[in-house]
Amino acid sequence: MMEIFPFNNSVETGLRTLCLLHSLYPRSFDLETLVCLDYLCVHTGDFDQSVKSLHPANPFRTGELYVRRSIIEEGLQLFVAKGLIEVHYDTSGIEYLASDEAASFLDKVSAGYSIELMQRTEWVSERLQNLDKSGIQSMVKNVTADYAFQMMKR
């Protein structure tokens, strides 16, 4: 029997990642930073109480950092295969960037969740425009438990 996960599956996390990369364009990010950005996007209320989180609060959400990594990786592979996310290889490692086709794809997305998602990714973009990768990771680490952040690095 096949299990179906309608929330936080590779399509949903891939779409969130695409929205984040589009909002933060032309910046590119490694997987570890994308996990932090996804957490920021989903739990915006943890970082700014004037903004409602995209997903409901969960008392065990700090553990999401570890679980999200593989799901985000699957989402990246899916959206890379569709030509919406590009992979860049350099001396510092592998980074991901929204492709030129991302904007036209996202212009066609109109579901309620997607509109909320795009509002959160704009919030993330505005809030983090002057932070580097370590600053983004520190911001998430300050809100989550240190053990969850260390687990994510595995």
Foldseek 3Di string as FASTA:
>chain_A
DDDDDPPLALQVLLLLLLLLLVLQPPDWADLLLSLLLSLCLQPVCLVPVVDHGLDDDDPPCLLVSQVNSVRPVSNNVVCVVVVQKDWDQDPVGIIIHGGPCSVVVLVPDDDPSSVSSNVSSNVSNVVPVPPDSVRSLVSSCVRHPVVSSVSNVD
